[in-house]
C-alpha atoms as a PDB file:
ATOM      1  CA  MET A   1      10.155  -1.960  -0.462  1.00  0.00           C
ATOM      2  CA  ASP A   2      13.910  -2.556  -0.781  1.00  0.00           C
ATOM      3  CA  VAL A   3      15.394  -0.375  -3.511  1.00  0.00           C
ATOM      4  CA  LYS A   4      18.365  -2.046  -5.187  1.00  0.00           C
ATOM      5  CA  ARG A   5      20.976   0.375  -6.403  1.00  0.00           C
ATOM      6  CA  ILE A   6      22.816  -0.842  -9.450  1.00  0.00           C
ATOM      7  CA  ALA A   7      25.222   1.372 -11.362  1.00  0.00           C
ATOM      8  CA  ILE A   8      27.475   1.453 -14.370  1.00  0.00           C
ATOM      9  CA  ALA A   9      31.198   0.646 -14.354  1.00  0.00           C
ATOM     10  CA  ALA A  10      32.715   3.720 -15.918  1.00  0.00           C
ATOM     11  CA  SER A  11      35.015   3.639 -18.919  1.00  0.00           C
ATOM     12  CA  LEU A  12      37.458   6.417 -19.752  1.00  0.00           C
ATOM     13  CA  ILE A  13      34.971   8.123 -22.021  1.00  0.00           C
ATOM     14  CA  GLY A  14      31.661   7.572 -20.311  1.00  0.00           C
ATOM     15  CA  LEU A  15      29.373   4.900 -18.998  1.00  0.00           C
ATOM     16  CA  ALA A  16      28.753   1.415 -20.342  1.00  0.00           C
ATOM     17  CA  GLY A  17      26.004  -1.086 -19.781  1.00  0.00           C
ATOM     18  CA  SER A  18      22.586  -0.539 -18.233  1.00  0.00           C
ATOM     19  CA  THR A  19      21.694   1.009 -14.901  1.00  0.00           C
ATOM     20  CA  LEU A  20      18.286   0.682 -13.331  1.00  0.00           C
ATOM     21  CA  ILE A  21      18.101   1.723  -9.719  1.00  0.00           C
ATOM     22  CA  GLY A  22      15.061   0.370  -7.918  1.00  0.00           C
ATOM     23  CA  CYS A  23      13.727  -1.357 -11.003  1.00  0.00           C
ATOM     24  CA  SER A  24      16.045  -4.234 -11.861  1.00  0.00           C
ATOM     25  CA  ASN A  25      17.515  -7.332 -10.290  1.00  0.00           C
ATOM     26  CA  GLY A  26      20.728  -7.074 -12.248  1.00  0.00           C
ATOM     27  CA  SER A  27      22.708  -5.414 -14.961  1.00  0.00           C
ATOM     28  CA  GLN A  28      25.042  -6.225 -17.787  1.00  0.00           C
ATOM     29  CA  ASN A  29      28.811  -6.043 -18.198  1.00  0.00           C
ATOM     30  CA  GLY A  30      29.727  -6.549 -14.548  1.00  0.00           C
ATOM     31  CA  ASN A  31      28.197  -3.320 -13.306  1.00  0.00           C
ATOM     32  CA  THR A  32      29.102  -2.251  -9.774  1.00  0.00           C
ATOM     33  CA  ALA A  33      27.111  -0.442  -7.111  1.00  0.00           C
ATOM     34  CA  THR A  34      26.932   3.317  -6.727  1.00  0.00           C
ATOM     35  CA  ASN A  35      27.314   5.065  -3.409  1.00  0.00           C
ATOM     36  CA  PRO A  36      23.936   4.417  -1.725  1.00  0.00           C
ATOM     37  CA  ASP A  37      24.120   7.736   0.099  1.00  0.00           C
ATOM     38  CA  THR A  38      24.208   9.790  -3.077  1.00  0.00           C
ATOM     39  CA  ASN A  39      22.323   7.446  -5.410  1.00  0.00           C
ATOM     40  CA  THR A  40      23.871   9.119  -8.444  1.00  0.00           C
ATOM     41  CA  VAL A  41      25.869   7.996 -11.439  1.00  0.00           C
ATOM     42  CA  PRO A  42      29.602   8.805 -11.235  1.00  0.00           C
ATOM     43  CA  ASN A  43      30.641  11.801 -13.310  1.00  0.00           C
ATOM     44  CA  THR A  44      33.277  10.146 -15.472  1.00  0.00           C
ATOM     45  CA  ALA A  45      32.903  12.070 -18.737  1.00  0.00           C
ATOM     46  CA  THR A  46      33.958  15.691 -18.801  1.00  0.00           C
ATOM     47  CA  ASN A  47      34.458  16.251 -22.518  1.00  0.00           C
ATOM     48  CA  THR A  48      32.446  19.268 -23.707  1.00  0.00           C
ATOM     49  CA  SER A  49      33.694  19.271 -27.287  1.00  0.00           C
ATOM     50  CA  ALA A  50      31.408  19.769 -30.263  1.00  0.00           C
ATOM     51  CA  GLU A  51      31.398  16.004 -30.830  1.00  0.00           C
ATOM     52  CA  ASN A  52      30.178  15.427 -27.272  1.00  0.00           C
ATOM     53  CA  LYS A  53      27.452  18.039 -27.656  1.00  0.00           C
ATOM     54  CA  THR A  54      25.965  16.415 -30.729  1.00  0.00           C
ATOM     55  CA  GLY A  55      26.282  12.775 -29.661  1.00  0.00           C
ATOM     56  CA  SER A  56      26.510  10.188 -32.448  1.00  0.00           C
ATOM     57  CA  GLY A  57      24.552  12.345 -34.874  1.00  0.00           C
ATOM     58  CA  ASP A  58      22.949   9.326 -36.564  1.00  0.00           C
ATOM     59  CA  GLY A  59      19.587   9.517 -34.746  1.00  0.00           C
ATOM     60  CA  LYS A  60      20.038   6.139 -33.064  1.00  0.00           C
ATOM     61  CA  LEU A  61      18.913   5.977 -29.444  1.00  0.00           C
ATOM     62  CA  ARG A  62      21.838   4.727 -27.364  1.00  0.00           C
ATOM     63  CA  SER A  63      21.194   6.043 -23.864  1.00  0.00           C
ATOM     64  CA  VAL A  64      18.322   7.235 -21.687  1.00  0.00           C
ATOM     65  CA  ALA A  65      18.525   8.476 -18.094  1.00  0.00           C
ATOM     66  CA  PHE A  66      15.704   9.143 -15.633  1.00  0.00           C
ATOM     67  CA  THR A  67      15.879  11.086 -12.377  1.00  0.00           C
ATOM     68  CA  ALA A  68      12.762  10.350 -10.317  1.00  0.00           C
ATOM     69  CA  GLY A  69      11.295  12.150  -7.336  1.00  0.00           C
ATOM     70  CA  ASP A  70      11.339   9.180  -4.971  1.00  0.00           C
ATOM     71  CA  LEU A  71      11.986   5.523  -5.811  1.00  0.00           C
ATOM     72  CA  SER A  72      10.406   4.398  -2.560  1.00  0.00           C
ATOM     73  CA  ASN A  73       7.131   5.221  -4.340  1.00  0.00           C
ATOM     74  CA  PRO A  74       6.035   2.272  -6.554  1.00  0.00           C
ATOM     75  CA  PHE A  75       4.672   4.811  -9.051  1.00  0.00           C
ATOM     76  CA  PHE A  76       8.205   5.918  -9.951  1.00  0.00           C
ATOM     77  CA  VAL A  77       9.540   2.365  -9.871  1.00  0.00           C
ATOM     78  CA  LEU A  78       7.010   1.471 -12.583  1.00  0.00           C
ATOM     79  CA  MET A  79       8.023   4.531 -14.574  1.00  0.00           C
ATOM     80  CA  GLY A  80      11.645   3.458 -14.416  1.00  0.00           C
ATOM     81  CA  GLN A  81      10.795  -0.049 -15.560  1.00  0.00           C
ATOM     82  CA  GLU A  82       8.776   1.267 -18.496  1.00  0.00           C
ATOM     83  CA  ILE A  83      11.499   3.730 -19.497  1.00  0.00           C
ATOM     84  CA  GLU A  84      13.969   0.866 -19.727  1.00  0.00           C
ATOM     85  CA  ALA A  85      11.523  -1.382 -21.606  1.00  0.00           C
ATOM     86  CA  THR A  86      10.533   1.309 -24.127  1.00  0.00           C
ATOM     87  CA  ALA A  87      14.128   2.370 -24.712  1.00  0.00           C
ATOM     88  CA  LYS A  88      15.066  -1.227 -25.536  1.00  0.00           C
ATOM     89  CA  LYS A  89      12.058  -1.583 -27.854  1.00  0.00           C
ATOM     90  CA  ILE A  90      13.261   1.438 -29.780  1.00  0.00           C
ATOM     91  CA  GLY A  91      17.013   1.004 -29.712  1.00  0.00           C
ATOM     92  CA  GLY A  92      17.598  -2.640 -28.896  1.00  0.00           C
ATOM     93  CA  ASN A  93      19.173  -4.350 -25.905  1.00  0.00           C
ATOM     94  CA  ASP A  94      22.353  -2.279 -26.148  1.00  0.00           C
ATOM     95  CA  VAL A  95      20.562   0.913 -25.100  1.00  0.00           C
ATOM     96  CA  ARG A  96      21.998   2.159 -21.805  1.00  0.00           C
ATOM     97  CA  THR A  97      19.322   3.092 -19.264  1.00  0.00           C
ATOM     98  CA  THR A  98      19.955   4.761 -15.927  1.00  0.00           C
ATOM     99  CA  VAL A  99      17.343   5.351 -13.232  1.00  0.00           C
ATOM    100  CA  VAL A 100      18.120   7.266 -10.045  1.00  0.00           C
ATOM    101  CA  SER A 101      16.156   8.861  -7.215  1.00  0.00           C
ATOM    102  CA  SER A 102      16.600  12.496  -6.246  1.00  0.00           C
ATOM    103  CA  ALA A 103      14.641  11.949  -3.015  1.00  0.00           C
ATOM    104  CA  TYR A 104      13.155  15.376  -3.858  1.00  0.00           C
ATOM    105  CA  ASP A 105      16.588  16.912  -3.154  1.00  0.00           C
ATOM    106  CA  LEU A 106      17.231  19.706  -5.651  1.00  0.00           C
ATOM    107  CA  ASN A 107      21.018  19.713  -5.289  1.00  0.00           C
ATOM    108  CA  GLN A 108      21.209  15.968  -5.739  1.00  0.00           C
ATOM    109  CA  GLN A 109      19.010  16.114  -8.821  1.00  0.00           C
ATOM    110  CA  ALA A 110      21.084  18.912 -10.333  1.00  0.00           C
ATOM    111  CA  ASN A 111      24.199  16.773  -9.847  1.00  0.00           C
ATOM    112  CA  GLN A 112      22.455  13.822 -11.459  1.00  0.00           C
ATOM    113  CA  ILE A 113      21.578  15.879 -14.538  1.00  0.00           C
ATOM    114  CA  GLU A 114      25.163  17.151 -14.717  1.00  0.00           C
ATOM    115  CA  ASN A 115      26.403  13.556 -14.636  1.00  0.00           C
ATOM    116  CA  PHE A 116      23.913  12.491 -17.317  1.00  0.00           C
ATOM    117  CA  THR A 117      25.052  15.409 -19.467  1.00  0.00           C
ATOM    118  CA  ALA A 118      28.734  14.624 -19.031  1.00  0.00           C
ATOM    119  CA  ALA A 119      28.053  10.970 -19.877  1.00  0.00           C
ATOM    120  CA  ASN A 120      26.747  12.041 -23.308  1.00  0.00           C
ATOM    121  CA  THR A 121      23.224  10.736 -22.582  1.00  0.00           C
ATOM    122  CA  ASP A 122      20.891  11.051 -25.573  1.00  0.00           C
ATOM    123  CA  VAL A 123      17.636  11.616 -23.675  1.00  0.00           C
ATOM    124  CA  ILE A 124      17.307  12.831 -20.089  1.00  0.00           C
ATOM    125  CA  ILE A 125      13.884  12.253 -18.538  1.00  0.00           C
ATOM    126  CA  LEU A 126      13.277  14.562 -15.596  1.00  0.00           C
ATOM    127  CA  ASN A 127      10.757  14.327 -12.777  1.00  0.00           C
ATOM    128  CA  ALA A 128      11.623  17.695 -11.281  1.00  0.00           C
ATOM    129  CA  ALA A 129      12.105  18.016  -7.542  1.00  0.00           C
ATOM    130  CA  ASP A 130      11.700  21.776  -7.952  1.00  0.00           C
ATOM    131  CA  LYS A 131      10.231  23.243 -11.142  1.00  0.00           C
ATOM    132  CA  SER A 132      12.099  26.559 -10.923  1.00  0.00           C
ATOM    133  CA  GLY A 133      15.153  25.455  -8.969  1.00  0.00           C
ATOM    134  CA  ILE A 134      16.158  22.857 -11.559  1.00  0.00           C
ATOM    135  CA  LYS A 135      16.285  25.483 -14.318  1.00  0.00           C
ATOM    136  CA  PRO A 136      20.098  26.032 -14.327  1.00  0.00           C
ATOM    137  CA  ALA A 137      20.779  22.302 -14.592  1.00  0.00           C
ATOM    138  CA  VAL A 138      18.322  21.943 -17.467  1.00  0.00           C
ATOM    139  CA  GLU A 139      19.839  24.950 -19.250  1.00  0.00           C
ATOM    140  CA  LYS A 140      23.340  23.445 -18.993  1.00  0.00           C
ATOM    141  CA  ALA A 141      22.075  20.136 -20.350  1.00  0.00           C
ATOM    142  CA  LYS A 142      20.400  21.890 -23.266  1.00  0.00           C
ATOM    143  CA  GLN A 143      23.517  23.951 -23.983  1.00  0.00           C
ATOM    144  CA  ALA A 144      25.443  20.682 -24.190  1.00  0.00           C
ATOM    145  CA  GLY A 145      22.982  19.401 -26.792  1.00  0.00           C
ATOM    146  CA  ARG A 146      21.032  17.011 -24.611  1.00  0.00           C
ATOM    147  CA  ILE A 147      17.324  16.281 -25.080  1.00  0.00           C
ATOM    148  CA  VAL A 148      15.408  16.842 -21.832  1.00  0.00           C
ATOM    149  CA  ILE A 149      11.852  15.588 -21.370  1.00  0.00           C
ATOM    150  CA  ALA A 150       9.926  16.559 -18.228  1.00  0.00           C
ATOM    151  CA  VAL A 151       7.607  13.826 -17.002  1.00  0.00           C
ATOM    152  CA  ASP A 152       4.788  13.812 -14.431  1.00  0.00           C
ATOM    153  CA  THR A 153       5.521  17.432 -13.510  1.00  0.00           C
ATOM    154  CA  GLY A 154       6.779  20.519 -15.330  1.00  0.00           C
ATOM    155  CA  ALA A 155      10.289  21.963 -15.296  1.00  0.00           C
ATOM    156  CA  GLU A 156      11.822  25.270 -16.355  1.00  0.00           C
ATOM    157  CA  GLY A 157      14.995  25.752 -18.334  1.00  0.00           C
ATOM    158  CA  GLY A 158      13.801  24.985 -21.836  1.00  0.00           C
ATOM    159  CA  VAL A 159      12.811  21.324 -21.712  1.00  0.00           C
ATOM    160  CA  ASP A 160      12.021  19.883 -25.120  1.00  0.00           C
ATOM    161  CA  ALA A 161       8.628  18.516 -24.042  1.00  0.00           C
ATOM    162  CA  THR A 162       6.512  17.793 -20.970  1.00  0.00           C
ATOM    163  CA  VAL A 163       4.525  14.567 -20.585  1.00  0.00           C
ATOM    164  CA  THR A 164       2.205  14.639 -17.610  1.00  0.00           C
ATOM    165  CA  THR A 165      -1.137  13.624 -16.237  1.00  0.00           C
ATOM    166  CA  ASN A 166      -3.771  16.319 -16.596  1.00  0.00           C
ATOM    167  CA  ASN A 167      -3.235  17.138 -12.932  1.00  0.00           C
ATOM    168  CA  VAL A 168      -5.755  19.971 -12.796  1.00  0.00           C
ATOM    169  CA  GLN A 169      -8.341  17.524 -14.114  1.00  0.00           C
ATOM    170  CA  ALA A 170      -7.264  14.951 -11.505  1.00  0.00           C
ATOM    171  CA  GLY A 171      -7.932  17.417  -8.689  1.00  0.00           C
ATOM    172  CA  GLU A 172     -11.210  18.506 -10.231  1.00  0.00           C
ATOM    173  CA  VAL A 173     -12.503  14.964 -10.760  1.00  0.00           C
ATOM    174  CA  ALA A 174     -11.528  13.891  -7.243  1.00  0.00           C
ATOM    175  CA  CYS A 175     -13.063  16.889  -5.520  1.00  0.00           C
ATOM    176  CA  LYS A 176     -16.209  16.885  -7.641  1.00  0.00           C
ATOM    177  CA  TYR A 177     -16.758  13.392  -6.274  1.00  0.00           C
ATOM    178  CA  ILE A 178     -16.258  14.770  -2.762  1.00  0.00           C
ATOM    179  CA  ALA A 179     -18.686  17.642  -3.337  1.00  0.00           C
ATOM    180  CA  ASP A 180     -21.326  15.361  -4.837  1.00  0.00           C
ATOM    181  CA  ARG A 181     -21.068  12.791  -2.078  1.00  0.00           C
ATOM    182  CA  LEU A 182     -21.294  15.516   0.578  1.00  0.00           C
ATOM    183  CA  LYS A 183     -24.228  17.043  -1.298  1.00  0.00           C
ATOM    184  CA  GLY A 184     -22.447  20.385  -1.262  1.00  0.00           C
ATOM    185  CA  LYS A 185     -22.019  20.676   2.493  1.00  0.00           C
ATOM    186  CA  GLY A 186     -19.291  19.640   4.929  1.00  0.00           C
ATOM    187  CA  ASN A 187     -15.725  19.989   6.230  1.00  0.00           C
ATOM    188  CA  VAL A 188     -12.829  18.948   3.982  1.00  0.00           C
ATOM    189  CA  VAL A 189      -9.092  18.692   4.603  1.00  0.00           C
ATOM    190  CA  ILE A 190      -6.463  18.560   1.860  1.00  0.00           C
ATOM    191  CA  VAL A 191      -3.423  16.410   2.605  1.00  0.00           C
ATOM    192  CA  ASN A 192      -0.849  18.305   0.553  1.00  0.00           C
ATOM    193  CA  GLY A 193       2.598  17.251  -0.636  1.00  0.00           C
ATOM    194  CA  PRO A 194       5.922  18.433  -2.074  1.00  0.00           C
ATOM    195  CA  GLN A 195       5.362  21.695  -3.914  1.00  0.00           C
ATOM    196  CA  VAL A 196       6.164  20.379  -7.351  1.00  0.00           C
ATOM    197  CA  ASP A 197       4.080  21.484 -10.300  1.00  0.00           C
ATOM    198  CA  SER A 198       1.896  18.361 -10.427  1.00  0.00           C
ATOM    199  CA  VAL A 199       0.894  18.613  -6.766  1.00  0.00           C
ATOM    200  CA  ILE A 200       0.184  22.324  -7.006  1.00  0.00           C
ATOM    201  CA  GLN A 201      -2.043  21.709 -10.031  1.00  0.00           C
ATOM    202  CA  ARG A 202      -3.984  18.944  -8.274  1.00  0.00           C
ATOM    203  CA  VAL A 203      -4.684  21.157  -5.284  1.00  0.00           C
ATOM    204  CA  ASN A 204      -5.656  24.025  -7.575  1.00  0.00           C
ATOM    205  CA  GLY A 205      -8.036  21.736  -9.459  1.00  0.00           C
ATOM    206  CA  CYS A 206      -9.588  20.587  -6.204  1.00  0.00           C
ATOM    207  CA  GLN A 207     -10.072  24.133  -4.994  1.00  0.00           C
ATOM    208  CA  ASN A 208     -11.512  25.146  -8.376  1.00  0.00           C
ATOM    209  CA  VAL A 209     -14.367  22.782  -7.631  1.00  0.00           C
ATOM    210  CA  LEU A 210     -14.824  23.149  -3.878  1.00  0.00           C
ATOM    211  CA  THR A 211     -14.924  26.952  -3.956  1.00  0.00           C
ATOM    212  CA  LYS A 212     -18.152  26.667  -5.974  1.00  0.00           C
ATOM    213  CA  TYR A 213     -19.854  25.216  -2.899  1.00  0.00           C
ATOM    214  CA  PRO A 214     -20.259  27.877  -0.183  1.00  0.00           C
ATOM    215  CA  ASP A 215     -21.290  25.279   2.388  1.00  0.00           C
ATOM    216  CA  ILE A 216     -18.106  23.259   1.975  1.00  0.00           C
ATOM    217  CA  LYS A 217     -15.324  24.481   4.248  1.00  0.00           C
ATOM    218  CA  ILE A 218     -11.663  23.623   3.622  1.00  0.00           C
ATOM    219  CA  LEU A 219     -10.244  23.257   7.127  1.00  0.00           C
ATOM    220  CA  SER A 220      -6.627  22.696   6.095  1.00  0.00           C
ATOM    221  CA  LYS A 221      -4.764  22.697   2.782  1.00  0.00           C
ATOM    222  CA  ASP A 222      -1.088  23.406   3.499  1.00  0.00           C
ATOM    223  CA  GLN A 223       0.168  20.384   5.441  1.00  0.00           C
ATOM    224  CA  ASN A 224       2.939  18.613   3.501  1.00  0.00           C
ATOM    225  CA  ALA A 225       2.727  14.830   3.833  1.00  0.00           C
ATOM    226  CA  GLU A 226       5.743  14.491   1.523  1.00  0.00           C
ATOM    227  CA  GLY A 227       3.848  12.243  -0.866  1.00  0.00           C
ATOM    228  CA  ASN A 228       4.368   9.069   1.163  1.00  0.00           C
ATOM    229  CA  ARG A 229       2.556   6.821   3.622  1.00  0.00           C
ATOM    230  CA  ASP A 230       4.507   7.910   6.694  1.00  0.00           C
ATOM    231  CA  GLY A 231       3.824  11.538   5.896  1.00  0.00           C
ATOM    232  CA  GLY A 232       0.134  10.849   5.373  1.00  0.00           C
ATOM    233  CA  LEU A 233      -0.033   9.102   8.737  1.00  0.00           C
ATOM    234  CA  ARG A 234       1.759  11.974  10.458  1.00  0.00           C
ATOM    235  CA  VAL A 235      -0.258  14.787   8.878  1.00  0.00           C
ATOM    236  CA  MET A 236      -3.621  13.061   9.244  1.00  0.00           C
ATOM    237  CA  THR A 237      -2.918  12.218  12.888  1.00  0.00           C
ATOM    238  CA  ASP A 238      -2.354  15.921  13.552  1.00  0.00           C
ATOM    239  CA  LEU A 239      -5.442  16.936  11.582  1.00  0.00           C
ATOM    240  CA  LEU A 240      -7.641  14.485  13.464  1.00  0.00           C
ATOM    241  CA  THR A 241      -6.436  16.000  16.715  1.00  0.00           C
ATOM    242  CA  THR A 242      -6.954  19.554  15.515  1.00  0.00           C
ATOM    243  CA  PHE A 243     -10.343  19.108  13.837  1.00  0.00           C
ATOM    244  CA  PRO A 244     -12.938  16.939  15.605  1.00  0.00           C
ATOM    245  CA  LYS A 245     -15.378  17.150  12.650  1.00  0.00           C
ATOM    246  CA  ILE A 246     -14.018  16.116   9.247  1.00  0.00           C
ATOM    247  CA  ASP A 247     -16.281  14.858   6.475  1.00  0.00           C
ATOM    248  CA  ALA A 248     -13.846  14.205   3.630  1.00  0.00           C
ATOM    249  CA  VAL A 249     -10.134  14.131   2.802  1.00  0.00           C
ATOM    250  CA  PHE A 250      -8.450  14.904  -0.506  1.00  0.00           C
ATOM    251  CA  ALA A 251      -4.951  13.396  -0.626  1.00  0.00           C
ATOM    252  CA  ILE A 252      -2.654  14.568  -3.414  1.00  0.00           C
ATOM    253  CA  ASN A 253      -1.522  10.997  -4.056  1.00  0.00           C
ATOM    254  CA  ASP A 254      -2.442   7.494  -2.978  1.00  0.00           C
ATOM    255  CA  PRO A 255       0.551   6.792  -0.705  1.00  0.00           C
ATOM    256  CA  SER A 256      -0.334   9.790   1.480  1.00  0.00           C
ATOM    257  CA  GLY A 257      -4.007   8.830   1.271  1.00  0.00           C
ATOM    258  CA  VAL A 258      -3.238   5.316   2.483  1.00  0.00           C
ATOM    259  CA  GLY A 259      -1.272   6.859   5.339  1.00  0.00           C
ATOM    260  CA  ALA A 260      -4.267   9.062   6.145  1.00  0.00           C
ATOM    261  CA  GLU A 261      -6.493   5.988   6.326  1.00  0.00           C
ATOM    262  CA  LEU A 262      -3.995   4.332   8.662  1.00  0.00           C
ATOM    263  CA  ALA A 263      -4.233   7.383  10.946  1.00  0.00           C
ATOM    264  CA  ALA A 264      -8.025   7.135  10.887  1.00  0.00           C
ATOM    265  CA  ASN A 265      -7.883   3.448  11.788  1.00  0.00           C
ATOM    266  CA  GLN A 266      -5.515   4.112  14.667  1.00  0.00           C
ATOM    267  CA  ALA A 267      -7.851   6.830  15.943  1.00  0.00           C
ATOM    268  CA  GLN A 268     -10.859   4.571  15.366  1.00  0.00           C
ATOM    269  CA  ARG A 269     -12.462   7.197  13.149  1.00  0.00           C
ATOM    270  CA  LYS A 270     -14.911   6.129  10.439  1.00  0.00           C
ATOM    271  CA  ASP A 271     -16.846   9.386  10.130  1.00  0.00           C
ATOM    272  CA  PHE A 272     -15.208  10.603   6.891  1.00  0.00           C
ATOM    273  CA  PHE A 273     -13.958   9.284   3.547  1.00  0.00           C
ATOM    274  CA  ILE A 274     -10.742   9.694   1.563  1.00  0.00           C
ATOM    275  CA  VAL A 275     -10.167  10.405  -2.123  1.00  0.00           C
ATOM    276  CA  GLY A 276      -6.683  10.256  -3.638  1.00  0.00           C
ATOM    277  CA  VAL A 277      -4.841  10.485  -6.952  1.00  0.00           C
ATOM    278  CA  ASP A 278      -2.791   7.784  -8.721  1.00  0.00           C
ATOM    279  CA  GLY A 279      -4.765   4.555  -9.098  1.00  0.00           C
ATOM    280  CA  ALA A 280      -2.092   2.764  -7.058  1.00  0.00           C
ATOM    281  CA  PRO A 281      -2.710  -0.946  -6.371  1.00  0.00           C
ATOM    282  CA  GLU A 282      -2.896  -0.460  -2.601  1.00  0.00           C
ATOM    283  CA  ALA A 283      -5.511   2.277  -3.033  1.00  0.00           C
ATOM    284  CA  VAL A 284      -7.568   0.205  -5.472  1.00  0.00           C
ATOM    285  CA  LYS A 285      -7.451  -2.679  -3.003  1.00  0.00           C
ATOM    286  CA  ALA A 286      -8.601  -0.361  -0.205  1.00  0.00           C
ATOM    287  CA  ILE A 287     -11.452   1.004  -2.316  1.00  0.00           C
ATOM    288  CA  ALA A 288     -12.619  -2.544  -3.011  1.00  0.00           C
ATOM    289  CA  ALA A 289     -12.647  -3.423   0.706  1.00  0.00           C
ATOM    290  CA  LYS A 290     -16.097  -3.063   2.284  1.00  0.00           C
ATOM    291  CA  ASP A 291     -14.815  -1.691   5.602  1.00  0.00           C
ATOM    292  CA  SER A 292     -12.403   0.853   4.106  1.00  0.00           C
ATOM    293  CA  ILE A 293     -12.996   4.611   4.179  1.00  0.00           C
ATOM    294  CA  TYR A 294     -10.902   4.972   1.011  1.00  0.00           C
ATOM    295  CA  ALA A 295     -13.631   5.934  -1.437  1.00  0.00           C
ATOM    296  CA  ALA A 296     -12.017   6.873  -4.758  1.00  0.00           C
ATOM    297  CA  THR A 297      -8.852   7.644  -6.682  1.00  0.00           C
ATOM    298  CA  ALA A 298      -8.243   9.620  -9.872  1.00  0.00           C
ATOM    299  CA  THR A 299      -6.010   7.304 -11.878  1.00  0.00           C
ATOM    300  CA  GLN A 300      -2.726   8.142 -13.535  1.00  0.00           C
ATOM    301  CA  SER A 301      -0.757   5.997 -15.984  1.00  0.00           C
ATOM    302  CA  PRO A 302       2.904   5.836 -14.911  1.00  0.00           C
ATOM    303  CA  ARG A 303       3.727   3.339 -17.648  1.00  0.00           C
ATOM    304  CA  GLY A 304       1.902   5.395 -20.279  1.00  0.00           C
ATOM    305  CA  MET A 305       3.667   8.607 -19.312  1.00  0.00           C
ATOM    306  CA  ALA A 306       7.064   6.926 -19.183  1.00  0.00           C
ATOM    307  CA  ALA A 307       6.666   5.241 -22.569  1.00  0.00           C
ATOM    308  CA  LYS A 308       5.476   8.486 -24.157  1.00  0.00           C
ATOM    309  CA  ALA A 309       8.419  10.409 -22.711  1.00  0.00           C
ATOM    310  CA  VAL A 310      10.915   7.995 -24.274  1.00  0.00           C
ATOM    311  CA  GLU A 311       9.057   7.966 -27.586  1.00  0.00           C
ATOM    312  CA  VAL A 312       8.939  11.767 -27.751  1.00  0.00           C
ATOM    313  CA  GLY A 313      12.620  11.992 -26.839  1.00  0.00           C
ATOM    314  CA  ASN A 314      13.499   9.545 -29.596  1.00  0.00           C
ATOM    315  CA  ASP A 315      11.366  11.465 -32.095  1.00  0.00           C
ATOM    316  CA  ILE A 316      13.211  14.692 -31.225  1.00  0.00           C
ATOM    317  CA  LEU A 317      16.536  12.860 -31.540  1.00  0.00           C
ATOM    318  CA  ASN A 318      15.432  12.058 -35.102  1.00  0.00           C
ATOM    319  CA  GLY A 319      14.356  15.610 -35.863  1.00  0.00           C
ATOM    320  CA  LYS A 320      10.628  15.168 -35.221  1.00  0.00           C
ATOM    321  CA  LYS A 321       9.402  17.689 -32.682  1.00  0.00           C
ATOM    322  CA  PRO A 322       5.916  17.211 -31.174  1.00  0.00           C
ATOM    323  CA  ALA A 323       3.189  19.482 -32.491  1.00  0.00           C
ATOM    324  CA  ASN A 324       2.475  20.513 -28.894  1.00  0.00           C
ATOM    325  CA  PRO A 325       5.367  20.271 -26.415  1.00  0.00           C
ATOM    326  CA  THR A 326       2.925  19.770 -23.527  1.00  0.00           C
ATOM    327  CA  ILE A 327       1.310  16.349 -23.662  1.00  0.00           C
ATOM    328  CA  LEU A 328      -1.499  15.781 -21.163  1.00  0.00           C
ATOM    329  CA  ILE A 329      -2.685  12.301 -20.223  1.00  0.00           C
ATOM    330  CA  PRO A 330      -6.370  12.259 -19.114  1.00  0.00           C
ATOM    331  CA  VAL A 331      -7.537  10.667 -15.868  1.00  0.00           C
ATOM    332  CA  LYS A 332     -10.519   8.575 -14.839  1.00  0.00           C
ATOM    333  CA  LEU A 333     -12.054   8.040 -11.416  1.00  0.00           C
ATOM    334  CA  ILE A 334     -12.122   4.662  -9.693  1.00  0.00           C
ATOM    335  CA  THR A 335     -14.799   4.413  -6.995  1.00  0.00           C
ATOM    336  CA  LYS A 336     -16.432   1.650  -4.984  1.00  0.00           C
ATOM    337  CA  ASP A 337     -19.120   1.539  -7.688  1.00  0.00           C
ATOM    338  CA  ASN A 338     -16.751   0.693 -10.568  1.00  0.00           C
ATOM    339  CA  VAL A 339     -13.691  -0.781  -8.855  1.00  0.00           C
ATOM    340  CA  SER A 340     -14.611  -4.280 -10.029  1.00  0.00           C
ATOM    341  CA  THR A 341     -14.250  -3.237 -13.680  1.00  0.00           C
ATOM    342  CA  GLU A 342     -11.867  -0.267 -13.636  1.00  0.00           C
ATOM    343  CA  LYS A 343      -8.237  -1.010 -12.890  1.00  0.00           C
ATOM    344  CA  GLY A 344      -5.389   1.229 -11.806  1.00  0.00           C
ATOM    345  CA  TRP A 345      -1.821   0.391 -12.686  1.00  0.00           C
END
């Protein structure tokens, strides 16, 4: 999909208006485009005074910024849309929202957080490209008095809260389906992805289940499909060449799973089935198709996670910390048996 990059015209003291990159057809106050190569908000505010560290101090939500892993993934586009919508529900139409893509580039994401911090953003919502590597940027944001909420995957550096799918459960549910359908015997490949916390947890959850079945062999688990369709096509094409007998595939998300199915179609292979994670519309459509080998997906709720992240950030802004800083959103499994009644996102 085409990702429209829309940015904020900078004033002398910060940013004005509303920025939504990849999630909006327009913006207010004559906003101009950012540099498409960097996809970041200009760093126009450098004041680090005590006033800048504490923001307005009245508890009113005025600005929210989100740095996503990859805005070519519709999952993150939906998150960005919901972040903007929820922020406006809470703070009104004057709330400034900014959504950018890090493209899973740690340095770019660190710069984005620095820019958000300098712009006196109230709540920074972070989908970390690297859980440990982003720590210094988070620490600087916290030292400047910013609220930082990790979403979809964890992040170090003292984030105020983490809102994420129960990713271990997602891997367990998906791979229990695989084990049951194989009746405890067969060859499985795992189409892996970027080594962010959520992906690692999904693979761990899958292995938690599959290791209980001595007659199930994991042929491959380390190939990084980069969480997208092209990567899934590339990795699965290689795996089909390497392993002539595959019974099931666990893909860490639906875009890579759809790419894996494309590889199977190109190779004219119908001798295995695919299970993913997300509940993405294209995966649900594939599951519903009679001739598809896409068998199931463990659903996430991008809108639910995004809304919760903004709500928690606003609560903290008003002095209300969550009872548990880690908020897990449960998953459910969509299969060919229930796809007519269970919907993804």
